């Protein structure tokens, strides 16, 4: 079964809606300067209402360890998604589950995985993350030998079926592909994205234990 992450959430209604419609993970961006940046105080106020088996992910970029830890604890987050230059030492000191983001523009980018021998889960995005641009999915196929791959970068209800058919990733991630505006989700597009992922899984025979 392909895991579904809806990212760039900023408010209670969008988060609860995505969880109720079947998202496996919800992403909240706390990186400075992001147009989808969430307010930790707002997120803290509703994460206790979310279903117990939904994974909550905080998105960070080159932020002090103390800041990342404080936000994760305060907002009851399970995983840190790291978009910057964080290295294995940073990850070890964080002492939290990590999803490392690696940009994929060419086959030369595959050497990036060698810097993270102790990690087994990666999110692959285009070189310009958050812009809604796709990248060459053959790079994601080549990356599968390094661990679980979450495919991101320009995924929408219109192309996620093809992405799953071509790559069969462990998970898929969307933010701009299901929005009305940065940080504000379109409920119909969120529902349709989840529906298309489940339909693709069914067509490929990808069951609950895969």
N, C-alpha and C. Protein backbone atom coordinates (compact mmCIF):
# COMPACT_ATOMS: atom_id res chain seq x y z
N UNK A 1 0.84 -1.20 0.00
CA UNK A 1 0.00 0.00 0.00
C UNK A 1 0.87 1.24 0.00
N UNK A 2 0.58 2.16 -0.87
CA UNK A 2 1.33 3.41 -0.95
C UNK A 2 0.88 4.34 0.17
N UNK A 3 1.82 4.80 0.98
CA UNK A 3 1.49 5.74 2.05
C UNK A 3 1.31 7.13 1.47
N UNK A 4 0.34 7.85 2.01
CA UNK A 4 -0.02 9.17 1.48
C UNK A 4 0.29 10.24 2.52
N UNK A 5 1.07 11.23 2.11
CA UNK A 5 1.34 12.37 2.98
C UNK A 5 0.80 13.64 2.33
N UNK A 6 -0.03 14.35 3.07
CA UNK A 6 -0.53 15.65 2.64
C UNK A 6 0.28 16.70 3.41
N UNK A 7 1.01 17.53 2.68
CA UNK A 7 1.95 18.44 3.32
C UNK A 7 1.53 19.90 3.14
N UNK A 8 2.18 20.78 3.90
CA UNK A 8 1.90 22.20 3.81
C UNK A 8 0.60 22.61 4.48
N UNK A 9 0.18 21.84 5.49
CA UNK A 9 -1.05 22.15 6.21
C UNK A 9 -0.81 23.28 7.21
N UNK A 10 -1.80 24.13 7.36
CA UNK A 10 -1.63 25.27 8.27
C UNK A 10 -2.80 25.46 9.23
N UNK A 11 -3.88 24.68 9.05
CA UNK A 11 -5.06 24.92 9.89
C UNK A 11 -5.76 23.62 10.26
N UNK A 12 -6.59 23.69 11.27
CA UNK A 12 -7.27 22.53 11.85
C UNK A 12 -8.17 21.83 10.84
N UNK A 13 -9.01 22.57 10.14
CA UNK A 13 -10.00 21.94 9.26
C UNK A 13 -9.33 21.14 8.15
N UNK A 14 -8.29 21.70 7.55
CA UNK A 14 -7.59 20.97 6.49
C UNK A 14 -6.91 19.71 7.03
N UNK A 15 -6.32 19.82 8.21
CA UNK A 15 -5.62 18.67 8.79
C UNK A 15 -6.59 17.56 9.16
N UNK A 16 -7.68 17.91 9.86
CA UNK A 16 -8.66 16.89 10.24
C UNK A 16 -9.32 16.28 9.02
N UNK A 17 -9.60 17.11 8.02
CA UNK A 17 -10.21 16.60 6.80
C UNK A 17 -9.31 15.59 6.11
N UNK A 18 -8.04 15.93 5.93
CA UNK A 18 -7.10 15.02 5.26
C UNK A 18 -6.99 13.70 6.00
N UNK A 19 -6.97 13.76 7.34
CA UNK A 19 -6.89 12.54 8.14
C UNK A 19 -8.15 11.69 7.97
N UNK A 20 -9.30 12.31 8.02
CA UNK A 20 -10.55 11.57 7.89
C UNK A 20 -10.71 10.96 6.51
N UNK A 21 -10.17 11.59 5.49
CA UNK A 21 -10.31 11.08 4.12
C UNK A 21 -9.30 9.99 3.82
N UNK A 22 -8.35 9.74 4.72
CA UNK A 22 -7.47 8.59 4.55
C UNK A 22 -5.99 8.87 4.40
N UNK A 23 -5.54 10.11 4.65
CA UNK A 23 -4.10 10.37 4.60
C UNK A 23 -3.40 9.62 5.72
N UNK A 24 -2.23 9.07 5.41
CA UNK A 24 -1.44 8.35 6.40
C UNK A 24 -0.55 9.29 7.22
N UNK A 25 -0.18 10.42 6.62
CA UNK A 25 0.70 11.37 7.29
C UNK A 25 0.31 12.79 6.92
N UNK A 26 0.51 13.70 7.87
CA UNK A 26 0.22 15.12 7.67
C UNK A 26 1.49 15.91 7.91
N UNK A 27 1.79 16.85 7.02
CA UNK A 27 3.01 17.62 7.13
C UNK A 27 2.75 19.08 7.44
N UNK A 28 3.53 19.61 8.39
CA UNK A 28 3.42 21.01 8.80
C UNK A 28 4.79 21.67 8.63
N UNK A 29 4.84 22.72 7.84
CA UNK A 29 6.11 23.36 7.51
C UNK A 29 6.44 24.43 8.54
N UNK A 30 7.61 24.29 9.16
CA UNK A 30 8.08 25.27 10.13
C UNK A 30 9.38 25.94 9.67
N UNK A 31 9.77 25.68 8.43
CA UNK A 31 10.97 26.30 7.88
C UNK A 31 10.75 27.79 7.70
N UNK A 32 11.75 28.58 8.06
CA UNK A 32 11.65 30.02 7.94
C UNK A 32 11.53 30.41 6.46
N UNK A 33 10.65 31.37 6.20
CA UNK A 33 10.53 31.90 4.84
C UNK A 33 9.60 31.14 3.93
N UNK A 34 9.07 30.00 4.37
CA UNK A 34 8.17 29.24 3.52
C UNK A 34 6.81 29.93 3.42
N UNK A 35 6.24 29.92 2.23
CA UNK A 35 4.91 30.50 2.04
C UNK A 35 3.82 29.60 2.62
N UNK A 36 4.21 28.41 3.06
CA UNK A 36 3.27 27.49 3.72
C UNK A 36 3.62 27.31 5.19
N UNK A 37 4.35 28.24 5.75
CA UNK A 37 4.80 28.10 7.13
C UNK A 37 3.62 28.07 8.09
N UNK A 38 3.62 27.07 8.97
CA UNK A 38 2.57 26.92 9.97
C UNK A 38 2.98 27.61 11.26
N UNK A 39 2.01 28.06 12.02
CA UNK A 39 2.25 28.67 13.32
C UNK A 39 2.26 27.56 14.37
N UNK A 40 3.37 27.36 15.07
CA UNK A 40 3.42 26.27 16.06
C UNK A 40 2.30 26.35 17.09
N UNK A 41 1.91 27.54 17.48
CA UNK A 41 0.85 27.69 18.47
C UNK A 41 -0.48 27.18 17.92
N UNK A 42 -0.73 27.45 16.64
CA UNK A 42 -1.96 26.97 16.00
C UNK A 42 -1.94 25.46 15.88
N UNK A 43 -0.83 24.91 15.41
CA UNK A 43 -0.72 23.45 15.24
C UNK A 43 -0.84 22.74 16.58
N UNK A 44 -0.19 23.28 17.58
CA UNK A 44 -0.28 22.70 18.92
C UNK A 44 -1.73 22.59 19.39
N UNK A 45 -2.55 23.53 18.96
CA UNK A 45 -3.92 23.58 19.43
C UNK A 45 -4.84 22.50 18.90
N UNK A 46 -4.44 21.83 17.79
CA UNK A 46 -5.37 20.82 17.25
C UNK A 46 -4.76 19.44 17.03
N UNK A 47 -3.45 19.26 17.19
CA UNK A 47 -2.88 17.94 16.91
C UNK A 47 -3.41 16.87 17.86
N UNK A 48 -3.83 17.26 19.04
CA UNK A 48 -4.41 16.30 19.97
C UNK A 48 -5.74 15.73 19.50
N UNK A 49 -6.37 16.38 18.53
CA UNK A 49 -7.66 15.91 17.99
C UNK A 49 -7.49 14.93 16.84
N UNK A 50 -6.29 14.78 16.33
CA UNK A 50 -6.08 13.95 15.15
C UNK A 50 -6.10 12.47 15.51
N UNK A 51 -6.50 11.61 14.58
CA UNK A 51 -6.57 10.17 14.85
C UNK A 51 -5.21 9.62 15.28
N UNK A 52 -5.20 8.59 16.13
CA UNK A 52 -3.95 8.10 16.72
C UNK A 52 -2.99 7.44 15.75
N UNK A 53 -3.46 6.92 14.63
CA UNK A 53 -2.56 6.22 13.72
C UNK A 53 -2.11 7.07 12.54
N UNK A 54 -2.33 8.38 12.60
CA UNK A 54 -1.84 9.29 11.57
C UNK A 54 -0.49 9.85 12.01
N UNK A 55 0.51 9.76 11.14
CA UNK A 55 1.84 10.26 11.45
C UNK A 55 1.92 11.76 11.21
N UNK A 56 2.42 12.49 12.21
CA UNK A 56 2.53 13.94 12.11
C UNK A 56 3.99 14.31 11.85
N UNK A 57 4.21 15.08 10.80
CA UNK A 57 5.55 15.38 10.32
C UNK A 57 5.81 16.88 10.38
N UNK A 58 6.92 17.26 10.98
CA UNK A 58 7.34 18.65 10.98
C UNK A 58 8.42 18.85 9.93
N UNK A 59 8.26 19.88 9.11
CA UNK A 59 9.21 20.15 8.03
C UNK A 59 10.12 21.30 8.45
N UNK A 60 11.43 21.04 8.43
CA UNK A 60 12.42 22.01 8.89
C UNK A 60 13.55 22.14 7.88
N UNK A 61 14.28 23.25 7.98
CA UNK A 61 15.41 23.46 7.07
C UNK A 61 16.51 24.25 7.78
N UNK A 62 17.60 23.55 8.09
CA UNK A 62 18.78 24.19 8.68
C UNK A 62 18.46 25.03 9.91
N UNK A 63 17.62 24.49 10.77
CA UNK A 63 17.24 25.21 12.00
C UNK A 63 17.98 24.64 13.20
N UNK A 64 18.18 25.45 14.24
CA UNK A 64 18.88 24.94 15.43
C UNK A 64 18.18 23.71 16.00
N UNK A 65 18.98 22.76 16.47
CA UNK A 65 18.42 21.54 17.04
C UNK A 65 17.41 21.85 18.14
N UNK A 66 17.74 22.81 18.98
CA UNK A 66 16.85 23.13 20.10
C UNK A 66 15.49 23.60 19.61
N UNK A 67 15.47 24.35 18.53
CA UNK A 67 14.21 24.84 17.96
C UNK A 67 13.38 23.69 17.39
N UNK A 68 14.05 22.81 16.67
CA UNK A 68 13.35 21.66 16.08
C UNK A 68 12.76 20.77 17.17
N UNK A 69 13.55 20.47 18.19
CA UNK A 69 13.08 19.63 19.29
C UNK A 69 11.90 20.27 20.02
N UNK A 70 12.00 21.58 20.26
CA UNK A 70 10.95 22.28 21.00
C UNK A 70 9.63 22.25 20.23
N UNK A 71 9.69 22.51 18.93
CA UNK A 71 8.47 22.50 18.12
C UNK A 71 7.89 21.09 18.02
N UNK A 72 8.76 20.09 17.84
CA UNK A 72 8.27 18.72 17.73
C UNK A 72 7.57 18.27 19.01
N UNK A 73 8.17 18.57 20.14
CA UNK A 73 7.56 18.18 21.40
C UNK A 73 6.27 18.96 21.65
N UNK A 74 6.32 20.24 21.42
CA UNK A 74 5.16 21.10 21.67
C UNK A 74 3.97 20.71 20.81
N UNK A 75 4.22 20.38 19.54
CA UNK A 75 3.13 20.08 18.60
C UNK A 75 2.84 18.59 18.46
N UNK A 76 3.50 17.75 19.28
CA UNK A 76 3.25 16.30 19.30
C UNK A 76 3.57 15.66 17.94
N UNK A 77 4.68 16.06 17.35
CA UNK A 77 5.06 15.56 16.04
C UNK A 77 5.89 14.28 16.17
N UNK A 78 5.75 13.41 15.21
CA UNK A 78 6.42 12.11 15.24
C UNK A 78 7.72 12.06 14.45
N UNK A 79 7.78 12.81 13.35
CA UNK A 79 8.90 12.71 12.41
C UNK A 79 9.37 14.11 12.03
N UNK A 80 10.70 14.26 11.90
CA UNK A 80 11.28 15.51 11.39
C UNK A 80 11.67 15.30 9.92
N UNK A 81 11.10 16.10 9.05
CA UNK A 81 11.46 16.08 7.63
C UNK A 81 12.46 17.21 7.41
N UNK A 82 13.67 16.85 7.01
CA UNK A 82 14.78 17.81 6.96
C UNK A 82 15.14 18.15 5.52
N UNK A 83 15.00 19.42 5.17
CA UNK A 83 15.17 19.87 3.79
C UNK A 83 16.51 20.53 3.51
N UNK A 84 17.31 20.75 4.52
CA UNK A 84 18.51 21.54 4.32
C UNK A 84 19.79 20.74 4.20
N UNK A 85 20.84 21.27 4.80
CA UNK A 85 22.17 20.66 4.74
C UNK A 85 22.46 19.82 5.98
N UNK A 86 21.42 19.43 6.69
CA UNK A 86 21.60 18.63 7.91
C UNK A 86 22.36 17.33 7.57
N UNK A 87 23.38 17.04 8.37
CA UNK A 87 24.18 15.85 8.12
C UNK A 87 23.87 14.76 9.15
N UNK A 88 24.60 13.65 9.07
CA UNK A 88 24.32 12.53 9.97
C UNK A 88 24.57 12.90 11.43
N UNK A 89 25.53 13.77 11.69
CA UNK A 89 25.77 14.19 13.07
C UNK A 89 24.56 14.96 13.61
N UNK A 90 24.03 15.86 12.82
CA UNK A 90 22.83 16.62 13.21
C UNK A 90 21.67 15.66 13.50
N UNK A 91 21.49 14.69 12.60
CA UNK A 91 20.40 13.73 12.74
C UNK A 91 20.57 12.90 14.00
N UNK A 92 21.79 12.49 14.29
CA UNK A 92 22.05 11.70 15.49
C UNK A 92 21.74 12.50 16.76
N UNK A 93 22.10 13.77 16.75
CA UNK A 93 21.85 14.61 17.92
C UNK A 93 20.38 14.96 18.08
N UNK A 94 19.65 14.96 16.98
CA UNK A 94 18.22 15.26 17.05
C UNK A 94 17.46 14.19 17.82
N UNK A 95 17.87 12.93 17.66
CA UNK A 95 17.26 11.81 18.38
C UNK A 95 15.75 11.73 18.16
N UNK A 96 15.35 11.95 16.92
CA UNK A 96 13.96 11.81 16.51
C UNK A 96 13.94 11.06 15.18
N UNK A 97 12.86 10.37 14.86
CA UNK A 97 12.76 9.77 13.52
C UNK A 97 12.88 10.86 12.45
N UNK A 98 13.62 10.56 11.39
CA UNK A 98 13.91 11.57 10.37
C UNK A 98 13.56 11.05 8.97
N UNK A 99 12.97 11.94 8.18
CA UNK A 99 12.78 11.72 6.75
C UNK A 99 13.64 12.77 6.06
N UNK A 100 14.74 12.34 5.46
CA UNK A 100 15.67 13.28 4.83
C UNK A 100 15.24 13.56 3.40
N UNK A 101 15.21 14.83 3.05
CA UNK A 101 14.82 15.24 1.71
C UNK A 101 16.06 15.40 0.85
N UNK A 102 16.05 14.79 -0.33
CA UNK A 102 17.13 14.92 -1.29
C UNK A 102 16.55 15.38 -2.62
N UNK A 103 17.16 16.40 -3.19
CA UNK A 103 16.70 16.89 -4.50
C UNK A 103 17.33 16.05 -5.60
N UNK A 104 16.54 15.78 -6.64
CA UNK A 104 16.97 14.92 -7.73
C UNK A 104 16.82 15.67 -9.05
N UNK A 105 17.94 16.15 -9.57
CA UNK A 105 17.93 16.82 -10.87
C UNK A 105 18.63 16.01 -11.95
N UNK A 106 19.55 15.14 -11.53
CA UNK A 106 20.30 14.33 -12.49
C UNK A 106 20.80 13.07 -11.79
N UNK A 107 21.32 12.13 -12.56
CA UNK A 107 21.81 10.89 -11.98
C UNK A 107 22.97 11.15 -11.03
N UNK A 108 23.67 12.25 -11.21
CA UNK A 108 24.75 12.59 -10.31
C UNK A 108 24.28 12.82 -8.89
N UNK A 109 22.99 13.16 -8.73
CA UNK A 109 22.45 13.40 -7.39
C UNK A 109 22.33 12.12 -6.57
N UNK A 110 22.43 10.97 -7.20
CA UNK A 110 22.30 9.72 -6.47
C UNK A 110 23.44 9.51 -5.47
N UNK A 111 24.56 10.20 -5.66
CA UNK A 111 25.67 10.05 -4.71
C UNK A 111 25.32 10.64 -3.35
N UNK A 112 24.29 11.46 -3.28
CA UNK A 112 23.89 12.07 -2.02
C UNK A 112 23.50 11.02 -0.98
N UNK A 113 22.99 9.90 -1.44
CA UNK A 113 22.56 8.87 -0.50
C UNK A 113 23.72 8.30 0.30
N UNK A 114 24.90 8.35 -0.26
CA UNK A 114 26.07 7.77 0.41
C UNK A 114 26.43 8.53 1.68
N UNK A 115 25.92 9.75 1.84
CA UNK A 115 26.20 10.55 3.04
C UNK A 115 25.33 10.13 4.22
N UNK A 116 24.35 9.27 3.96
CA UNK A 116 23.38 8.93 4.99
C UNK A 116 23.23 7.42 5.14
N UNK A 117 24.35 6.78 5.47
CA UNK A 117 24.37 5.32 5.56
C UNK A 117 23.46 4.79 6.65
N UNK A 118 23.16 5.60 7.65
CA UNK A 118 22.33 5.13 8.77
C UNK A 118 20.85 5.46 8.61
N UNK A 119 20.49 6.07 7.49
CA UNK A 119 19.08 6.37 7.23
C UNK A 119 18.51 5.39 6.21
N UNK A 120 17.22 5.15 6.35
CA UNK A 120 16.58 4.19 5.45
C UNK A 120 15.28 4.72 4.85
N UNK A 121 15.01 6.01 5.05
CA UNK A 121 13.81 6.62 4.49
C UNK A 121 14.17 8.00 3.94
N UNK A 122 13.77 8.24 2.69
CA UNK A 122 14.11 9.49 2.02
C UNK A 122 12.90 10.02 1.25
N UNK A 123 12.79 11.34 1.23
CA UNK A 123 11.80 11.99 0.38
C UNK A 123 12.54 12.63 -0.77
N UNK A 124 12.13 12.31 -1.99
CA UNK A 124 12.78 12.83 -3.19
C UNK A 124 11.92 13.91 -3.81
N UNK A 125 12.54 15.05 -4.08
CA UNK A 125 11.84 16.20 -4.63
C UNK A 125 12.65 16.73 -5.80
N UNK A 126 12.05 17.65 -6.54
CA UNK A 126 12.80 18.33 -7.58
C UNK A 126 13.79 19.29 -6.92
N UNK A 127 14.71 19.82 -7.69
CA UNK A 127 15.70 20.73 -7.15
C UNK A 127 15.11 21.99 -6.57
N UNK A 128 13.88 22.28 -6.97
CA UNK A 128 13.18 23.47 -6.46
C UNK A 128 11.95 22.99 -5.71
N UNK A 129 12.17 22.46 -4.50
CA UNK A 129 11.08 21.92 -3.70
C UNK A 129 10.02 22.95 -3.39
N UNK A 130 8.76 22.51 -3.38
CA UNK A 130 7.66 23.40 -3.06
C UNK A 130 7.15 24.21 -4.23
N UNK A 131 7.70 23.97 -5.42
CA UNK A 131 7.28 24.75 -6.58
C UNK A 131 6.27 24.01 -7.45
N UNK A 132 6.00 22.76 -7.13
CA UNK A 132 5.06 22.00 -7.94
C UNK A 132 5.68 21.43 -9.21
N UNK A 133 7.01 21.35 -9.26
CA UNK A 133 7.69 20.81 -10.43
C UNK A 133 8.04 19.35 -10.21
N UNK A 134 7.81 18.54 -11.25
CA UNK A 134 8.19 17.13 -11.19
C UNK A 134 9.67 16.99 -11.57
N UNK A 135 10.20 15.77 -11.37
CA UNK A 135 11.56 15.46 -11.81
C UNK A 135 11.52 14.11 -12.52
N UNK A 136 12.65 13.70 -13.03
CA UNK A 136 12.76 12.44 -13.77
C UNK A 136 12.54 11.27 -12.81
N UNK A 137 11.42 10.59 -12.94
CA UNK A 137 11.07 9.53 -12.01
C UNK A 137 11.99 8.32 -12.10
N UNK A 138 12.75 8.20 -13.17
CA UNK A 138 13.70 7.09 -13.25
C UNK A 138 14.77 7.22 -12.16
N UNK A 139 15.02 8.44 -11.69
CA UNK A 139 15.96 8.64 -10.59
C UNK A 139 15.42 8.05 -9.30
N UNK A 140 14.11 8.14 -9.11
CA UNK A 140 13.50 7.54 -7.93
C UNK A 140 13.61 6.02 -7.98
N UNK A 141 13.45 5.45 -9.15
CA UNK A 141 13.61 4.00 -9.30
C UNK A 141 15.04 3.58 -8.94
N UNK A 142 16.01 4.37 -9.40
CA UNK A 142 17.41 4.05 -9.11
C UNK A 142 17.72 4.20 -7.63
N UNK A 143 16.97 5.07 -6.94
CA UNK A 143 17.22 5.34 -5.52
C UNK A 143 16.65 4.29 -4.59
N UNK A 144 15.83 3.41 -5.09
CA UNK A 144 15.14 2.46 -4.22
C UNK A 144 16.08 1.51 -3.48
N UNK A 145 17.27 1.31 -4.00
CA UNK A 145 18.20 0.41 -3.32
C UNK A 145 18.71 1.01 -2.01
N UNK A 146 18.47 2.31 -1.80
CA UNK A 146 18.97 2.97 -0.60
C UNK A 146 17.96 2.96 0.55
N UNK A 147 16.72 2.60 0.27
CA UNK A 147 15.74 2.56 1.35
C UNK A 147 14.34 2.89 0.87
N UNK A 148 13.47 3.21 1.82
CA UNK A 148 12.09 3.57 1.48
C UNK A 148 12.08 4.94 0.82
N UNK A 149 11.37 5.04 -0.29
CA UNK A 149 11.33 6.28 -1.05
C UNK A 149 9.92 6.88 -1.02
N UNK A 150 9.85 8.13 -0.56
CA UNK A 150 8.63 8.91 -0.64
C UNK A 150 8.79 9.84 -1.83
N UNK A 151 7.92 9.72 -2.80
CA UNK A 151 8.01 10.50 -4.03
C UNK A 151 7.24 11.80 -3.87
N UNK A 152 7.91 12.92 -4.13
CA UNK A 152 7.29 14.24 -4.07
C UNK A 152 7.65 14.99 -5.34
N UNK A 153 7.31 16.26 -5.40
CA UNK A 153 7.66 17.07 -6.54
C UNK A 153 6.57 17.10 -7.60
N UNK A 154 5.64 18.02 -7.47
CA UNK A 154 4.64 18.23 -8.51
C UNK A 154 3.58 17.17 -8.64
N UNK A 155 3.36 16.37 -7.61
CA UNK A 155 2.31 15.34 -7.69
C UNK A 155 0.94 15.97 -7.49
N UNK A 156 0.00 15.57 -8.32
CA UNK A 156 -1.37 16.08 -8.30
C UNK A 156 -2.34 14.91 -8.50
N UNK A 157 -3.63 15.14 -8.35
CA UNK A 157 -4.58 14.06 -8.67
C UNK A 157 -4.46 13.60 -10.12
N UNK A 158 -3.96 14.45 -10.98
CA UNK A 158 -3.89 14.12 -12.41
C UNK A 158 -2.70 13.23 -12.77
N UNK A 159 -1.63 13.28 -11.99
CA UNK A 159 -0.45 12.48 -12.38
C UNK A 159 -0.02 11.44 -11.35
N UNK A 160 -0.70 11.39 -10.20
CA UNK A 160 -0.23 10.47 -9.16
C UNK A 160 -0.44 9.00 -9.53
N UNK A 161 -1.47 8.71 -10.30
CA UNK A 161 -1.68 7.33 -10.74
C UNK A 161 -0.50 6.86 -11.58
N UNK A 162 -0.08 7.69 -12.52
CA UNK A 162 1.05 7.35 -13.38
C UNK A 162 2.34 7.26 -12.58
N UNK A 163 2.50 8.14 -11.59
CA UNK A 163 3.70 8.10 -10.75
C UNK A 163 3.80 6.78 -10.01
N UNK A 164 2.70 6.32 -9.45
CA UNK A 164 2.71 5.05 -8.72
C UNK A 164 2.94 3.88 -9.67
N UNK A 165 2.33 3.94 -10.83
CA UNK A 165 2.51 2.86 -11.81
C UNK A 165 3.97 2.76 -12.26
N UNK A 166 4.62 3.91 -12.44
CA UNK A 166 5.99 3.92 -12.93
C UNK A 166 7.03 3.62 -11.85
N UNK A 167 6.80 4.14 -10.65
CA UNK A 167 7.83 4.08 -9.61
C UNK A 167 7.52 3.07 -8.52
N UNK A 168 6.23 2.93 -8.18
CA UNK A 168 5.81 2.10 -7.04
C UNK A 168 6.57 2.49 -5.77
N UNK A 169 6.50 3.75 -5.39
CA UNK A 169 7.24 4.22 -4.22
C UNK A 169 6.60 3.71 -2.93
N UNK A 170 7.35 3.81 -1.84
CA UNK A 170 6.80 3.48 -0.52
C UNK A 170 5.72 4.48 -0.15
N UNK A 171 5.91 5.74 -0.54
CA UNK A 171 4.92 6.76 -0.23
C UNK A 171 4.92 7.87 -1.26
N UNK A 172 3.86 8.68 -1.24
CA UNK A 172 3.77 9.86 -2.10
C UNK A 172 3.42 11.06 -1.23
N UNK A 173 3.86 12.22 -1.69
CA UNK A 173 3.70 13.46 -0.92
C UNK A 173 3.21 14.56 -1.85
N UNK A 174 2.21 15.31 -1.40
CA UNK A 174 1.73 16.44 -2.19
C UNK A 174 1.45 17.63 -1.29
N UNK A 175 1.69 18.81 -1.81
CA UNK A 175 1.36 20.06 -1.10
C UNK A 175 0.64 20.99 -2.07
N UNK A 176 1.38 21.58 -3.00
CA UNK A 176 0.76 22.52 -3.94
C UNK A 176 -0.25 21.84 -4.85
N UNK A 177 -0.10 20.52 -5.05
CA UNK A 177 -0.99 19.82 -5.97
C UNK A 177 -2.41 19.68 -5.49
N UNK A 178 -2.67 20.01 -4.22
CA UNK A 178 -4.04 19.90 -3.69
C UNK A 178 -4.46 21.19 -2.98
N UNK A 179 -3.95 22.32 -3.46
CA UNK A 179 -4.21 23.60 -2.80
C UNK A 179 -5.15 24.51 -3.59
N UNK A 180 -5.81 25.39 -2.85
CA UNK A 180 -6.50 26.54 -3.43
C UNK A 180 -5.57 27.75 -3.44
N UNK A 181 -4.73 27.82 -2.40
CA UNK A 181 -3.74 28.87 -2.23
C UNK A 181 -2.66 28.30 -1.33
N UNK A 182 -1.46 28.89 -1.31
CA UNK A 182 -0.40 28.33 -0.46
C UNK A 182 -0.84 28.16 0.99
N UNK A 183 -0.80 26.90 1.46
CA UNK A 183 -1.18 26.60 2.83
C UNK A 183 -2.66 26.38 3.05
N UNK A 184 -3.48 26.54 2.03
CA UNK A 184 -4.92 26.34 2.12
C UNK A 184 -5.32 25.25 1.14
N UNK A 185 -5.85 24.15 1.67
CA UNK A 185 -6.14 23.00 0.82
C UNK A 185 -7.51 23.11 0.14
N UNK A 186 -7.60 22.46 -1.00
CA UNK A 186 -8.85 22.30 -1.73
C UNK A 186 -9.40 20.92 -1.36
N UNK A 187 -10.47 20.85 -0.58
CA UNK A 187 -10.96 19.55 -0.10
C UNK A 187 -11.21 18.55 -1.22
N UNK A 188 -11.76 19.01 -2.33
CA UNK A 188 -12.05 18.09 -3.42
C UNK A 188 -10.77 17.50 -4.01
N UNK A 189 -9.74 18.31 -4.13
CA UNK A 189 -8.48 17.81 -4.68
C UNK A 189 -7.78 16.87 -3.70
N UNK A 190 -7.88 17.16 -2.41
CA UNK A 190 -7.30 16.25 -1.42
C UNK A 190 -7.99 14.89 -1.50
N UNK A 191 -9.31 14.91 -1.51
CA UNK A 191 -10.06 13.64 -1.59
C UNK A 191 -9.74 12.89 -2.88
N UNK A 192 -9.66 13.63 -3.99
CA UNK A 192 -9.39 12.99 -5.27
C UNK A 192 -7.98 12.42 -5.32
N UNK A 193 -7.02 13.12 -4.73
CA UNK A 193 -5.64 12.61 -4.68
C UNK A 193 -5.61 11.28 -3.94
N UNK A 194 -6.22 11.24 -2.78
CA UNK A 194 -6.23 10.01 -1.98
C UNK A 194 -6.96 8.90 -2.72
N UNK A 195 -8.08 9.23 -3.35
CA UNK A 195 -8.85 8.25 -4.12
C UNK A 195 -8.01 7.67 -5.27
N UNK A 196 -7.28 8.52 -5.95
CA UNK A 196 -6.47 8.05 -7.08
C UNK A 196 -5.33 7.16 -6.62
N UNK A 197 -4.72 7.50 -5.48
CA UNK A 197 -3.65 6.65 -4.95
C UNK A 197 -4.20 5.26 -4.62
N UNK A 198 -5.33 5.22 -3.93
CA UNK A 198 -5.91 3.93 -3.56
C UNK A 198 -6.33 3.15 -4.80
N UNK A 199 -6.81 3.86 -5.81
CA UNK A 199 -7.18 3.18 -7.06
C UNK A 199 -5.96 2.60 -7.76
N UNK A 200 -4.87 3.34 -7.75
CA UNK A 200 -3.64 2.84 -8.37
C UNK A 200 -3.12 1.62 -7.62
N UNK A 201 -3.19 1.65 -6.30
CA UNK A 201 -2.77 0.50 -5.50
C UNK A 201 -3.60 -0.73 -5.84
N UNK A 202 -4.90 -0.52 -5.93
CA UNK A 202 -5.80 -1.64 -6.23
C UNK A 202 -5.48 -2.24 -7.60
N UNK A 203 -5.23 -1.38 -8.58
CA UNK A 203 -4.94 -1.86 -9.93
C UNK A 203 -3.64 -2.65 -9.98
N UNK A 204 -2.70 -2.29 -9.12
CA UNK A 204 -1.40 -2.96 -9.09
C UNK A 204 -1.34 -4.10 -8.09
N UNK A 205 -2.43 -4.32 -7.35
CA UNK A 205 -2.44 -5.37 -6.35
C UNK A 205 -1.56 -5.07 -5.16
N UNK A 206 -1.41 -3.77 -4.84
CA UNK A 206 -0.59 -3.38 -3.68
C UNK A 206 -1.47 -3.35 -2.45
N UNK A 207 -1.35 -4.39 -1.64
CA UNK A 207 -2.22 -4.54 -0.47
C UNK A 207 -1.71 -3.84 0.75
N UNK A 208 -2.40 -4.06 1.87
CA UNK A 208 -2.11 -3.40 3.14
C UNK A 208 -0.70 -3.69 3.66
N UNK A 209 -0.16 -4.86 3.35
CA UNK A 209 1.13 -5.25 3.95
C UNK A 209 2.31 -4.98 3.04
N UNK A 210 2.09 -4.26 1.93
CA UNK A 210 3.18 -4.03 0.98
C UNK A 210 3.74 -2.63 1.17
